[in-house]
C-alpha atoms as a PDB file:
ATOM      1  CA  UNK A   1     154.864 125.858 130.468  1.00  0.00           C
ATOM      2  CA  UNK A   2     151.622 127.343 129.169  1.00  0.00           C
ATOM      3  CA  UNK A   3     150.366 128.725 125.883  1.00  0.00           C
ATOM      4  CA  UNK A   4     149.185 132.321 125.848  1.00  0.00           C
ATOM      5  CA  UNK A   5     145.495 131.356 125.804  1.00  0.00           C
ATOM      6  CA  UNK A   6     144.527 130.340 129.343  1.00  0.00           C
ATOM      7  CA  UNK A   7     141.243 128.829 128.144  1.00  0.00           C
ATOM      8  CA  UNK A   8     143.208 126.438 125.929  1.00  0.00           C
ATOM      9  CA  UNK A   9     145.495 125.484 128.827  1.00  0.00           C
ATOM     10  CA  UNK A  10     142.429 124.700 130.944  1.00  0.00           C
ATOM     11  CA  UNK A  11     140.869 122.678 128.126  1.00  0.00           C
ATOM     12  CA  UNK A  12     143.987 120.531 127.632  1.00  0.00           C
ATOM     13  CA  UNK A  13     144.120 119.870 131.378  1.00  0.00           C
ATOM     14  CA  UNK A  14     140.420 118.959 131.449  1.00  0.00           C
ATOM     15  CA  UNK A  15     140.787 116.649 128.448  1.00  0.00           C
ATOM     16  CA  UNK A  16     143.735 114.807 129.991  1.00  0.00           C
ATOM     17  CA  UNK A  17     141.984 114.438 133.348  1.00  0.00           C
ATOM     18  CA  UNK A  18     138.854 113.136 131.630  1.00  0.00           C
ATOM     19  CA  UNK A  19     140.832 110.488 129.741  1.00  0.00           C
ATOM     20  CA  UNK A  20     142.524 109.337 132.934  1.00  0.00           C
ATOM     21  CA  UNK A  21     139.341 109.196 135.021  1.00  0.00           C
ATOM     22  CA  UNK A  22     137.346 107.280 132.430  1.00  0.00           C
ATOM     23  CA  UNK A  23     134.235 109.465 132.388  1.00  0.00           C
ATOM     24  CA  UNK A  24     132.877 108.691 128.916  1.00  0.00           C
ATOM     25  CA  UNK A  25     129.987 111.166 129.000  1.00  0.00           C
ATOM     26  CA  UNK A  26     132.428 113.955 129.926  1.00  0.00           C
ATOM     27  CA  UNK A  27     134.790 112.705 127.196  1.00  0.00           C
ATOM     28  CA  UNK A  28     132.015 112.972 124.561  1.00  0.00           C
ATOM     29  CA  UNK A  29     131.364 116.572 125.599  1.00  0.00           C
ATOM     30  CA  UNK A  30     134.983 117.429 124.770  1.00  0.00           C
ATOM     31  CA  UNK A  31     134.470 116.552 121.092  1.00  0.00           C
ATOM     32  CA  UNK A  32     133.582 118.747 118.173  1.00  0.00           C
ATOM     33  CA  UNK A  33     129.979 118.636 116.976  1.00  0.00           C
ATOM     34  CA  UNK A  34     131.423 117.992 113.493  1.00  0.00           C
ATOM     35  CA  UNK A  35     132.389 114.394 114.274  1.00  0.00           C
ATOM     36  CA  UNK A  36     131.812 111.440 116.564  1.00  0.00           C
ATOM     37  CA  UNK A  37     134.381 110.558 119.233  1.00  0.00           C
ATOM     38  CA  UNK A  38     135.488 106.973 119.744  1.00  0.00           C
ATOM     39  CA  UNK A  39     132.764 104.567 120.810  1.00  0.00           C
ATOM     40  CA  UNK A  40     132.072 103.961 124.498  1.00  0.00           C
ATOM     41  CA  UNK A  41     133.349 100.361 124.297  1.00  0.00           C
ATOM     42  CA  UNK A  42     136.697 101.422 122.858  1.00  0.00           C
ATOM     43  CA  UNK A  43     137.021 104.198 125.435  1.00  0.00           C
ATOM     44  CA  UNK A  44     136.142 101.834 128.295  1.00  0.00           C
ATOM     45  CA  UNK A  45     138.782  99.315 127.145  1.00  0.00           C
ATOM     46  CA  UNK A  46     141.492 101.950 126.983  1.00  0.00           C
ATOM     47  CA  UNK A  47     141.103 104.307 129.913  1.00  0.00           C
ATOM     48  CA  UNK A  48     141.582 101.683 132.631  1.00  0.00           C
ATOM     49  CA  UNK A  49     145.010 100.826 131.256  1.00  0.00           C
ATOM     50  CA  UNK A  50     146.329 104.410 131.112  1.00  0.00           C
ATOM     51  CA  UNK A  51     149.323 104.915 133.388  1.00  0.00           C
ATOM     52  CA  UNK A  52     150.675 108.155 131.980  1.00  0.00           C
ATOM     53  CA  UNK A  53     150.035 110.771 129.306  1.00  0.00           C
ATOM     54  CA  UNK A  54     153.004 112.872 128.128  1.00  0.00           C
ATOM     55  CA  UNK A  55     152.284 115.880 125.959  1.00  0.00           C
ATOM     56  CA  UNK A  56     155.086 116.229 123.414  1.00  0.00           C
ATOM     57  CA  UNK A  57     153.749 119.158 121.396  1.00  0.00           C
ATOM     58  CA  UNK A  58     150.946 121.677 121.216  1.00  0.00           C
ATOM     59  CA  UNK A  59     151.302 123.734 118.063  1.00  0.00           C
ATOM     60  CA  UNK A  60     149.199 126.542 116.605  1.00  0.00           C
ATOM     61  CA  UNK A  61     148.121 125.755 113.036  1.00  0.00           C
ATOM     62  CA  UNK A  62     146.129 127.643 110.414  1.00  0.00           C
ATOM     63  CA  UNK A  63     144.093 125.222 108.300  1.00  0.00           C
ATOM     64  CA  UNK A  64     143.525 126.118 104.671  1.00  0.00           C
ATOM     65  CA  UNK A  65     139.810 126.228 103.885  1.00  0.00           C
ATOM     66  CA  UNK A  66     138.259 123.308 102.027  1.00  0.00           C
ATOM     67  CA  UNK A  67     137.138 124.017  98.454  1.00  0.00           C
ATOM     68  CA  UNK A  68     133.470 123.711  99.391  1.00  0.00           C
ATOM     69  CA  UNK A  69     133.681 125.882 102.547  1.00  0.00           C
ATOM     70  CA  UNK A  70     131.707 129.119 102.484  1.00  0.00           C
ATOM     71  CA  UNK A  71     134.354 131.040 104.427  1.00  0.00           C
ATOM     72  CA  UNK A  72     137.754 131.121 102.774  1.00  0.00           C
ATOM     73  CA  UNK A  73     139.454 132.382 105.952  1.00  0.00           C
ATOM     74  CA  UNK A  74     142.010 129.920 107.352  1.00  0.00           C
ATOM     75  CA  UNK A  75     140.811 128.299 110.585  1.00  0.00           C
ATOM     76  CA  UNK A  76     143.040 128.615 113.671  1.00  0.00           C
ATOM     77  CA  UNK A  77     143.398 125.264 115.438  1.00  0.00           C
ATOM     78  CA  UNK A  78     145.950 123.583 117.681  1.00  0.00           C
ATOM     79  CA  UNK A  79     147.658 120.280 116.995  1.00  0.00           C
ATOM     80  CA  UNK A  80     148.193 118.167 120.123  1.00  0.00           C
ATOM     81  CA  UNK A  81     150.651 115.264 120.237  1.00  0.00           C
ATOM     82  CA  UNK A  82     150.853 113.035 123.305  1.00  0.00           C
ATOM     83  CA  UNK A  83     152.368 109.677 124.186  1.00  0.00           C
ATOM     84  CA  UNK A  84     150.117 107.422 126.220  1.00  0.00           C
ATOM     85  CA  UNK A  85     151.704 104.707 128.352  1.00  0.00           C
ATOM     86  CA  UNK A  86     149.466 101.747 129.153  1.00  0.00           C
ATOM     87  CA  UNK A  87     149.761  99.134 131.875  1.00  0.00           C
ATOM     88  CA  UNK A  88     150.964  96.021 130.016  1.00  0.00           C
ATOM     89  CA  UNK A  89     149.019  93.792 132.437  1.00  0.00           C
ATOM     90  CA  UNK A  90     145.738  95.425 131.378  1.00  0.00           C
ATOM     91  CA  UNK A  91     146.098  95.179 127.598  1.00  0.00           C
ATOM     92  CA  UNK A  92     146.329  92.217 125.260  1.00  0.00           C
ATOM     93  CA  UNK A  93     149.813  90.869 124.395  1.00  0.00           C
ATOM     94  CA  UNK A  94     149.334  92.036 120.790  1.00  0.00           C
ATOM     95  CA  UNK A  95     148.898  95.668 121.845  1.00  0.00           C
ATOM     96  CA  UNK A  96     151.807  98.049 122.338  1.00  0.00           C
ATOM     97  CA  UNK A  97     152.156  99.570 125.826  1.00  0.00           C
ATOM     98  CA  UNK A  98     152.973 103.008 124.358  1.00  0.00           C
ATOM     99  CA  UNK A  99     150.740 104.789 121.846  1.00  0.00           C
ATOM    100  CA  UNK A 100     150.688 108.071 119.992  1.00  0.00           C
ATOM    101  CA  UNK A 101     147.631 110.224 120.595  1.00  0.00           C
ATOM    102  CA  UNK A 102     147.423 113.019 118.056  1.00  0.00           C
ATOM    103  CA  UNK A 103     144.382 115.265 118.023  1.00  0.00           C
ATOM    104  CA  UNK A 104     143.303 118.626 116.773  1.00  0.00           C
ATOM    105  CA  UNK A 105     141.768 121.231 119.076  1.00  0.00           C
ATOM    106  CA  UNK A 106     139.234 123.527 117.423  1.00  0.00           C
ATOM    107  CA  UNK A 107     137.338 126.553 118.692  1.00  0.00           C
ATOM    108  CA  UNK A 108     133.660 125.916 118.201  1.00  0.00           C
ATOM    109  CA  UNK A 109     130.714 127.971 119.477  1.00  0.00           C
ATOM    110  CA  UNK A 110     132.947 129.818 121.931  1.00  0.00           C
ATOM    111  CA  UNK A 111     134.588 126.701 123.401  1.00  0.00           C
ATOM    112  CA  UNK A 112     137.599 124.507 122.666  1.00  0.00           C
ATOM    113  CA  UNK A 113     136.776 121.026 121.382  1.00  0.00           C
ATOM    114  CA  UNK A 114     138.724 117.927 120.358  1.00  0.00           C
ATOM    115  CA  UNK A 115     138.675 116.656 116.777  1.00  0.00           C
ATOM    116  CA  UNK A 116     140.522 114.052 114.760  1.00  0.00           C
ATOM    117  CA  UNK A 117     143.766 115.370 113.322  1.00  0.00           C
ATOM    118  CA  UNK A 118     144.111 115.062 109.546  1.00  0.00           C
ATOM    119  CA  UNK A 119     146.738 112.592 108.331  1.00  0.00           C
ATOM    120  CA  UNK A 120     149.007 115.391 107.098  1.00  0.00           C
ATOM    121  CA  UNK A 121     148.899 117.060 110.538  1.00  0.00           C
ATOM    122  CA  UNK A 122     149.697 113.788 112.330  1.00  0.00           C
ATOM    123  CA  UNK A 123     152.714 113.204 110.093  1.00  0.00           C
ATOM    124  CA  UNK A 124     153.912 116.817 110.530  1.00  0.00           C
ATOM    125  CA  UNK A 125     153.709 116.588 114.343  1.00  0.00           C
ATOM    126  CA  UNK A 126     155.610 113.302 114.447  1.00  0.00           C
ATOM    127  CA  UNK A 127     158.321 114.843 112.284  1.00  0.00           C
ATOM    128  CA  UNK A 128     158.407 117.972 114.449  1.00  0.00           C
ATOM    129  CA  UNK A 129     158.871 116.041 117.681  1.00  0.00           C
ATOM    130  CA  UNK A 130     161.152 113.251 116.449  1.00  0.00           C
ATOM    131  CA  UNK A 131     164.884 113.722 116.997  1.00  0.00           C
ATOM    132  CA  UNK A 132     166.964 114.165 113.869  1.00  0.00           C
ATOM    133  CA  UNK A 133     170.255 112.424 113.056  1.00  0.00           C
ATOM    134  CA  UNK A 134     172.195 115.507 114.212  1.00  0.00           C
ATOM    135  CA  UNK A 135     169.938 116.360 117.156  1.00  0.00           C
ATOM    136  CA  UNK A 136     169.344 113.375 119.411  1.00  0.00           C
ATOM    137  CA  UNK A 137     166.926 115.158 121.720  1.00  0.00           C
ATOM    138  CA  UNK A 138     163.239 115.595 121.023  1.00  0.00           C
ATOM    139  CA  UNK A 139     161.178 118.475 122.383  1.00  0.00           C
ATOM    140  CA  UNK A 140     160.675 118.332 126.163  1.00  0.00           C
ATOM    141  CA  UNK A 141     157.610 116.380 127.246  1.00  0.00           C
ATOM    142  CA  UNK A 142     155.117 117.023 130.003  1.00  0.00           C
ATOM    143  CA  UNK A 143     154.221 113.902 131.951  1.00  0.00           C
ATOM    144  CA  UNK A 144     150.716 113.320 133.250  1.00  0.00           C
ATOM    145  CA  UNK A 145     149.670 110.312 135.249  1.00  0.00           C
ATOM    146  CA  UNK A 146     147.046 109.357 137.764  1.00  0.00           C
ATOM    147  CA  UNK A 147     149.458 110.323 140.531  1.00  0.00           C
ATOM    148  CA  UNK A 148     151.059 113.396 138.958  1.00  0.00           C
ATOM    149  CA  UNK A 149     149.428 116.839 138.898  1.00  0.00           C
ATOM    150  CA  UNK A 150     148.365 117.691 135.359  1.00  0.00           C
ATOM    151  CA  UNK A 151     150.313 120.461 133.664  1.00  0.00           C
ATOM    152  CA  UNK A 152     150.099 121.919 130.201  1.00  0.00           C
ATOM    153  CA  UNK A 153     152.525 121.515 127.311  1.00  0.00           C
ATOM    154  CA  UNK A 154     155.557 123.602 126.445  1.00  0.00           C
ATOM    155  CA  UNK A 155     157.162 125.236 123.421  1.00  0.00           C
ATOM    156  CA  UNK A 156     154.186 126.990 121.883  1.00  0.00           C
ATOM    157  CA  UNK A 157     155.477 129.052 118.949  1.00  0.00           C
ATOM    158  CA  UNK A 158     154.176 132.549 118.238  1.00  0.00           C
END
């Protein structure tokens, strides 16, 4: 139930625990220096309603370099897809109680960090996890809640 890189397993566990506990300053420290995480107000609204986080996929991806990048070596990142279940009593009636949370995990200055997943990556992960017409079962999920010990995702390809 783990990927080969133990530091990545620990990072995913830390990130999930941080989201559940609602520690915004710790949440900010999880993010890449290349971008801003969600604002404190948005984080504060969401974390209290989290009941469960289920990791559906954690996939190794090589990103093609951007045209203006100095290095033309593909960057190794991980694509993380989770379902977040929210307490319906703690969200507005217009909000859905289940949400997709798709992020990218990058290695930056010797540490793993969260980043926003590009649109193409989000679409690819949803397609990867979704059951097909001939296969009615999606990849196994790992459930994480405030009462369940946090574990790391499965099915990491080589």
